[in-house]
Amino acid sequence: MSLTSQQLFPAKLEKFLWTWQGYRIQYTVMGEGKPLVLVHGFGASIGHWRKNIPVLADAGYQVFAIDLLGFGGSEKAPIDYTIEVWVELLKDFWTAHIQQPAIFIGNSIGALISLIVLAEHPEIAAGGVLINSAGGLSHRPHELNPPLRIVMAAFNRVVRSPITGKLIFNRIRQKSQIRRTLYQVYRDRAAVTDELVDLLYTPACEPGAQQVFASILSAPPGPSPQELLPKVERPLLIIWGADDPWTPITGAKIYEEAQKNGKPIKIIPIPNAGHCPHDEVPEVVNNQIVDWLAQR
């Protein structure tokens, strides 16, 4: 029997549902103390933080984690997805459930979303932890050479097509393909477990998942970290798996420059880890986060 996304959580992570703009949003909360908000990356969910939530809660924090609209146990809404949709979701979630400045902790796209929250809504944020932060939801045209721009434009049309898009998505969401992709972005293949594959596979089988995938792949990239950083005054912890092939550690250079210019930023490279070090080497990442939080 296949698992539903509701069954993928460890028993100790209690699940809650909240309605946002008429859509179902799933979240979890554990612990007591200053609030932390965990924001997952593309295709992931609350379960991707399963090795972090209990540790951070035990360290004396109230830890919230949310399935972004379109992912995990949240509704696969038939909308045009943008970074701004998720920023608005987080802002409204904070208003409904937290109501005191929180530390936003994100991985990949979740890190970029967290950075936007810090830049655009500083009143709800006490700081941020960015783990292998993405530079955008998609590539900006100027980041691609002209032939690749044409290829990407054609790919976007194919992905959005009701016929060819479904064929591509059905191939991409196969467990064997998910495992191959994870092998590319995790340095330690032993960390790519059946549990992890199921965390990504199960929500991708829910109605509407293919349309969400197509919308996100063809969405605008959103603001860049370079645009956002000058607006950020809250302290930042930048954690970067040093062997990430998707968002290479060279992406941390803009944070190093900001640090030199006086921004309150700490940068921690994590050796022998890829795109998701919080899941691949959780004991290392958890210790770095807890140590940094203790100084706030």
Protein backbone atom coordinates (compact mmCIF):
# COMPACT_ATOMS: atom_id res chain seq x y z
CA MET A 1 0.00 0.00 0.00
CA SER A 2 1.39 3.41 -0.93
CA LEU A 3 1.79 6.06 1.73
CA THR A 4 -0.16 9.30 1.65
CA SER A 5 1.64 12.54 2.38
CA GLN A 6 -0.22 12.60 5.71
CA GLN A 7 1.46 9.32 6.74
CA LEU A 8 5.03 10.30 5.93
CA PHE A 9 5.60 12.23 9.14
CA PRO A 10 7.27 10.66 12.13
CA ALA A 11 4.59 10.10 14.77
CA LYS A 12 6.14 12.76 17.02
CA LEU A 13 5.52 15.51 14.44
CA GLU A 14 1.88 16.40 14.98
CA LYS A 15 0.15 17.78 11.90
CA PHE A 16 -2.27 20.67 11.75
CA LEU A 17 -4.36 22.17 8.96
CA TRP A 18 -4.96 25.86 8.39
CA THR A 19 -7.06 27.48 5.68
CA TRP A 20 -5.38 30.27 3.74
CA GLN A 21 -7.27 32.10 1.00
CA GLY A 22 -9.57 29.08 0.76
CA TYR A 23 -6.71 26.58 0.38
CA ARG A 24 -5.59 23.84 2.77
CA ILE A 25 -2.17 24.43 4.33
CA GLN A 26 -0.42 21.80 6.44
CA TYR A 27 2.02 22.72 9.19
CA THR A 28 3.57 21.40 12.36
CA VAL A 29 4.76 23.02 15.56
CA MET A 30 6.92 21.64 18.35
CA GLY A 31 8.52 23.06 21.49
CA GLU A 32 8.29 26.30 23.43
CA GLY A 33 10.37 29.47 23.33
CA LYS A 34 11.38 31.97 20.67
CA PRO A 35 9.80 31.08 17.32
CA LEU A 36 11.60 29.53 14.37
CA VAL A 37 9.91 29.09 10.98
CA LEU A 38 11.30 26.37 8.69
CA VAL A 39 10.75 26.78 4.94
CA HIS A 40 11.48 23.84 2.62
CA GLY A 41 12.75 23.89 -0.95
CA PHE A 42 11.28 22.92 -4.34
CA GLY A 43 9.46 19.59 -4.28
CA ALA A 44 10.10 19.05 -0.57
CA SER A 45 7.89 19.40 2.50
CA ILE A 46 7.87 19.57 6.30
CA GLY A 47 9.24 16.02 6.35
CA HIS A 48 12.54 17.25 4.93
CA TRP A 49 13.10 18.88 8.35
CA ARG A 50 12.37 15.68 10.29
CA LYS A 51 15.99 15.49 11.53
CA ASN A 52 16.02 19.13 12.63
CA ILE A 53 12.67 19.98 14.21
CA PRO A 54 13.01 17.83 17.37
CA VAL A 55 16.60 18.98 17.99
CA LEU A 56 15.75 22.67 17.63
CA ALA A 57 12.68 22.24 19.84
CA ASP A 58 14.78 20.46 22.49
CA ALA A 59 17.19 23.41 22.39
CA GLY A 60 14.44 25.67 23.70
CA TYR A 61 12.62 27.03 20.66
CA GLN A 62 9.10 26.86 19.32
CA VAL A 63 9.61 25.37 15.87
CA PHE A 64 7.06 25.89 13.13
CA ALA A 65 7.38 24.18 9.74
CA ILE A 66 4.96 24.70 6.89
CA ASP A 67 4.20 22.93 3.64
CA LEU A 68 4.18 25.70 1.06
CA LEU A 69 1.07 25.90 -1.10
CA GLY A 70 1.46 23.31 -3.87
CA PHE A 71 3.77 21.00 -1.90
CA GLY A 72 3.63 18.26 0.71
CA GLY A 73 0.29 17.98 2.47
CA SER A 74 -0.82 21.46 1.40
CA GLU A 75 -3.30 21.91 -1.40
CA LYS A 76 -2.15 21.65 -5.01
CA ALA A 77 -3.93 24.87 -5.90
CA PRO A 78 -4.63 25.63 -9.59
CA ILE A 79 -2.99 29.07 -9.58
CA ASP A 80 -0.05 30.80 -11.22
CA TYR A 81 2.75 30.26 -8.71
CA THR A 82 5.29 32.93 -7.89
CA ILE A 83 7.77 33.55 -5.10
CA GLU A 84 5.50 36.37 -3.92
CA VAL A 85 2.61 33.93 -3.33
CA TRP A 86 4.68 32.01 -0.79
CA VAL A 87 6.01 35.18 0.85
CA GLU A 88 2.42 36.32 1.36
CA LEU A 89 1.55 32.86 2.74
CA LEU A 90 4.37 33.07 5.30
CA LYS A 91 3.42 36.60 6.31
CA ASP A 92 -0.21 35.59 6.87
CA PHE A 93 0.85 32.41 8.69
CA TRP A 94 2.98 34.53 11.02
CA THR A 95 0.02 36.85 11.69
CA ALA A 96 -2.30 33.93 12.43
CA HIS A 97 0.02 31.72 14.50
CA ILE A 98 3.15 33.51 15.77
CA GLN A 99 2.82 37.28 16.20
CA GLN A 100 6.33 37.89 17.50
CA PRO A 101 9.56 38.31 15.51
CA ALA A 102 10.75 34.90 14.29
CA ILE A 103 13.92 33.43 12.84
CA PHE A 104 13.19 32.20 9.32
CA ILE A 105 15.21 29.12 8.30
CA GLY A 106 15.08 28.03 4.68
CA ASN A 107 16.75 25.64 2.26
CA SER A 108 17.18 26.35 -1.47
CA ILE A 109 14.06 28.19 -2.72
CA GLY A 110 12.92 28.28 0.91
CA ALA A 111 16.07 30.24 1.75
CA LEU A 112 15.35 32.79 -0.98
CA ILE A 113 11.77 33.13 0.29
CA SER A 114 13.14 33.65 3.82
CA LEU A 115 15.52 36.33 2.53
CA ILE A 116 12.62 38.15 0.88
CA VAL A 117 10.68 38.05 4.16
CA LEU A 118 13.65 39.64 5.95
CA ALA A 119 14.04 42.30 3.28
CA GLU A 120 10.40 43.18 2.68
CA HIS A 121 8.76 42.39 6.03
CA PRO A 122 11.43 43.01 8.70
CA GLU A 123 8.76 43.61 11.36
CA ILE A 124 8.00 39.86 11.50
CA ALA A 125 11.61 38.64 11.42
CA ALA A 126 14.37 38.53 14.04
CA GLY A 127 16.92 36.95 11.68
CA GLY A 128 17.45 34.32 9.05
CA VAL A 129 19.30 31.08 8.40
CA LEU A 130 19.86 30.47 4.68
CA ILE A 131 20.92 26.95 3.72
CA ASN A 132 22.26 26.65 0.16
CA SER A 133 20.10 29.55 -0.94
CA ALA A 134 18.73 29.58 -4.46
CA GLY A 135 19.36 32.64 -6.59
CA GLY A 136 15.88 32.57 -8.10
CA LEU A 137 12.84 30.41 -8.71
CA SER A 138 14.07 29.98 -12.29
CA HIS A 139 16.95 31.20 -14.44
CA ARG A 140 16.90 34.82 -15.53
CA PRO A 141 17.34 35.28 -19.30
CA HIS A 142 20.64 37.13 -18.89
CA GLU A 143 22.03 34.12 -16.96
CA LEU A 144 21.68 31.91 -20.05
CA ASN A 145 23.50 32.15 -23.36
CA PRO A 146 21.22 32.87 -26.38
CA PRO A 147 20.92 29.24 -27.62
CA LEU A 148 20.01 28.05 -24.11
CA ARG A 149 17.40 30.79 -23.80
CA ILE A 150 15.67 29.36 -26.87
CA VAL A 151 15.89 25.83 -25.47
CA MET A 152 14.46 26.90 -22.10
CA ALA A 153 11.60 28.80 -23.74
CA ALA A 154 10.73 25.70 -25.78
CA PHE A 155 10.99 23.50 -22.67
CA ASN A 156 8.59 25.79 -20.79
CA ARG A 157 6.03 25.46 -23.60
CA VAL A 158 6.36 21.67 -23.55
CA VAL A 159 6.04 21.49 -19.76
CA ARG A 160 2.89 23.64 -19.74
CA SER A 161 1.22 21.57 -22.46
CA PRO A 162 -1.55 19.34 -21.05
CA ILE A 163 -0.26 16.38 -23.08
CA THR A 164 3.53 16.63 -23.21
CA GLY A 165 3.69 18.21 -19.76
CA LYS A 166 1.98 15.22 -18.21
CA LEU A 167 4.36 12.82 -19.97
CA ILE A 168 7.43 14.70 -18.72
CA PHE A 169 6.09 14.97 -15.18
CA ASN A 170 5.20 11.27 -15.01
CA ARG A 171 8.80 10.47 -15.96
CA ILE A 172 10.36 12.92 -13.52
CA ARG A 173 8.26 11.79 -10.54
CA GLN A 174 9.17 8.10 -10.83
CA LYS A 175 10.94 6.86 -7.72
CA SER A 176 13.95 5.72 -9.75
CA GLN A 177 14.32 9.18 -11.29
CA ILE A 178 13.89 10.92 -7.94
CA ARG A 179 16.65 8.73 -6.52
CA ARG A 180 18.96 9.53 -9.44
CA THR A 181 18.34 13.25 -8.95
CA LEU A 182 19.05 12.99 -5.22
CA TYR A 183 22.29 11.14 -5.95
CA GLN A 184 23.35 14.21 -7.93
CA VAL A 185 22.73 16.67 -5.12
CA TYR A 186 23.60 14.63 -2.01
CA ARG A 187 27.31 13.97 -1.51
CA ASP A 188 26.60 10.91 0.67
CA ARG A 189 24.49 8.38 -1.21
CA ALA A 190 23.68 6.63 2.06
CA ALA A 191 21.61 9.67 3.01
CA VAL A 192 19.31 9.00 0.04
CA THR A 193 16.97 6.60 1.82
CA ASP A 194 13.66 5.07 0.77
CA GLU A 195 12.02 7.38 3.32
CA LEU A 196 13.51 10.43 1.61
CA VAL A 197 12.45 9.25 -1.85
CA ASP A 198 8.90 8.68 -0.56
CA LEU A 199 8.83 12.18 0.93
CA LEU A 200 9.26 13.58 -2.57
CA TYR A 201 7.33 10.93 -4.50
CA THR A 202 4.06 10.75 -2.54
CA PRO A 203 2.91 14.39 -2.85
CA ALA A 204 3.85 14.29 -6.55
CA CYS A 205 1.15 11.64 -7.05
CA GLU A 206 -1.65 13.83 -5.73
CA PRO A 207 -4.19 15.48 -8.06
CA GLY A 208 -2.95 18.82 -9.37
CA ALA A 209 0.73 18.11 -8.72
CA GLN A 210 1.64 18.17 -12.41
CA GLN A 211 -0.02 21.55 -12.92
CA VAL A 212 1.86 22.94 -9.90
CA PHE A 213 5.13 21.62 -11.35
CA ALA A 214 4.45 23.22 -14.74
CA SER A 215 3.45 26.56 -13.24
CA ILE A 216 6.53 26.77 -11.02
CA LEU A 217 8.99 25.77 -13.76
CA SER A 218 7.70 28.54 -16.01
CA ALA A 219 7.26 31.17 -13.26
CA PRO A 220 9.33 34.37 -13.08
CA PRO A 221 12.52 34.03 -11.01
CA GLY A 222 11.61 36.70 -8.45
CA PRO A 223 14.03 39.16 -6.85
CA SER A 224 17.70 38.17 -6.66
CA PRO A 225 19.74 37.96 -3.45
CA GLN A 226 21.86 40.84 -4.80
CA GLU A 227 18.76 43.04 -4.92
CA LEU A 228 17.54 41.94 -1.50
CA LEU A 229 20.69 42.03 0.63
CA PRO A 230 21.03 45.84 0.81
CA LYS A 231 17.57 45.96 2.43
CA VAL A 232 18.32 43.29 5.06
CA GLU A 233 19.28 44.59 8.50
CA ARG A 234 18.56 41.44 10.52
CA PRO A 235 21.40 39.00 11.32
CA LEU A 236 21.98 36.15 8.89
CA LEU A 237 23.58 32.73 9.20
CA ILE A 238 24.65 31.41 5.80
CA ILE A 239 25.15 27.64 5.71
CA TRP A 240 26.40 26.09 2.47
CA GLY A 241 27.08 22.48 1.57
CA ALA A 242 30.47 22.83 -0.12
CA ASP A 243 29.81 20.12 -2.72
CA ASP A 244 26.48 21.39 -4.06
CA PRO A 245 26.36 21.07 -7.87
CA TRP A 246 23.00 22.91 -8.18
CA THR A 247 23.80 26.07 -6.23
CA PRO A 248 27.60 26.00 -5.95
CA ILE A 249 29.25 27.53 -2.91
CA THR A 250 30.47 30.38 -5.10
CA GLY A 251 26.96 31.72 -4.50
CA ALA A 252 28.08 32.60 -0.97
CA LYS A 253 30.41 35.30 -2.32
CA ILE A 254 27.69 37.95 -2.31
CA TYR A 255 27.17 37.28 1.40
CA GLU A 256 30.93 37.55 2.01
CA GLU A 257 30.90 40.97 0.30
CA ALA A 258 27.93 42.09 2.39
CA GLN A 259 29.72 40.84 5.51
CA LYS A 260 32.78 42.94 4.62
CA ASN A 261 30.48 45.93 4.19
CA GLY A 262 29.27 45.60 7.76
CA LYS A 263 26.18 43.40 7.47
CA PRO A 264 25.66 41.08 10.49
CA ILE A 265 26.36 37.87 8.57
CA LYS A 266 28.07 34.63 9.58
CA ILE A 267 29.05 32.15 6.84
CA ILE A 268 29.62 28.45 7.51
CA PRO A 269 30.72 26.13 4.68
CA ILE A 270 29.86 22.48 5.33
CA PRO A 271 32.44 20.12 3.83
CA ASN A 272 31.36 16.84 2.22
CA ALA A 273 27.73 17.93 1.87
CA GLY A 274 25.55 18.84 -1.07
CA HIS A 275 22.41 20.89 -1.63
CA CYS A 276 20.53 19.81 1.51
CA PRO A 277 23.09 19.65 4.35
CA HIS A 278 20.36 19.95 7.01
CA ASP A 279 19.18 16.48 5.91
CA GLU A 280 22.51 15.00 4.81
CA VAL A 281 24.60 15.99 7.86
CA PRO A 282 21.91 17.15 10.31
CA GLU A 283 24.07 16.90 13.42
CA VAL A 284 26.56 19.39 11.94
CA VAL A 285 23.90 21.83 10.73
CA ASN A 286 21.79 21.57 13.90
CA ASN A 287 24.83 22.40 16.05
CA GLN A 288 25.71 25.42 13.91
CA ILE A 289 22.15 26.75 14.05
CA VAL A 290 21.78 26.23 17.81
CA ASP A 291 25.17 27.88 18.50
CA TRP A 292 24.24 30.87 16.34
CA LEU A 293 20.78 31.19 17.89
CA ALA A 294 22.30 31.20 21.37
CA GLN A 295 24.11 34.45 20.47
CA ARG A 296 20.94 36.26 19.38
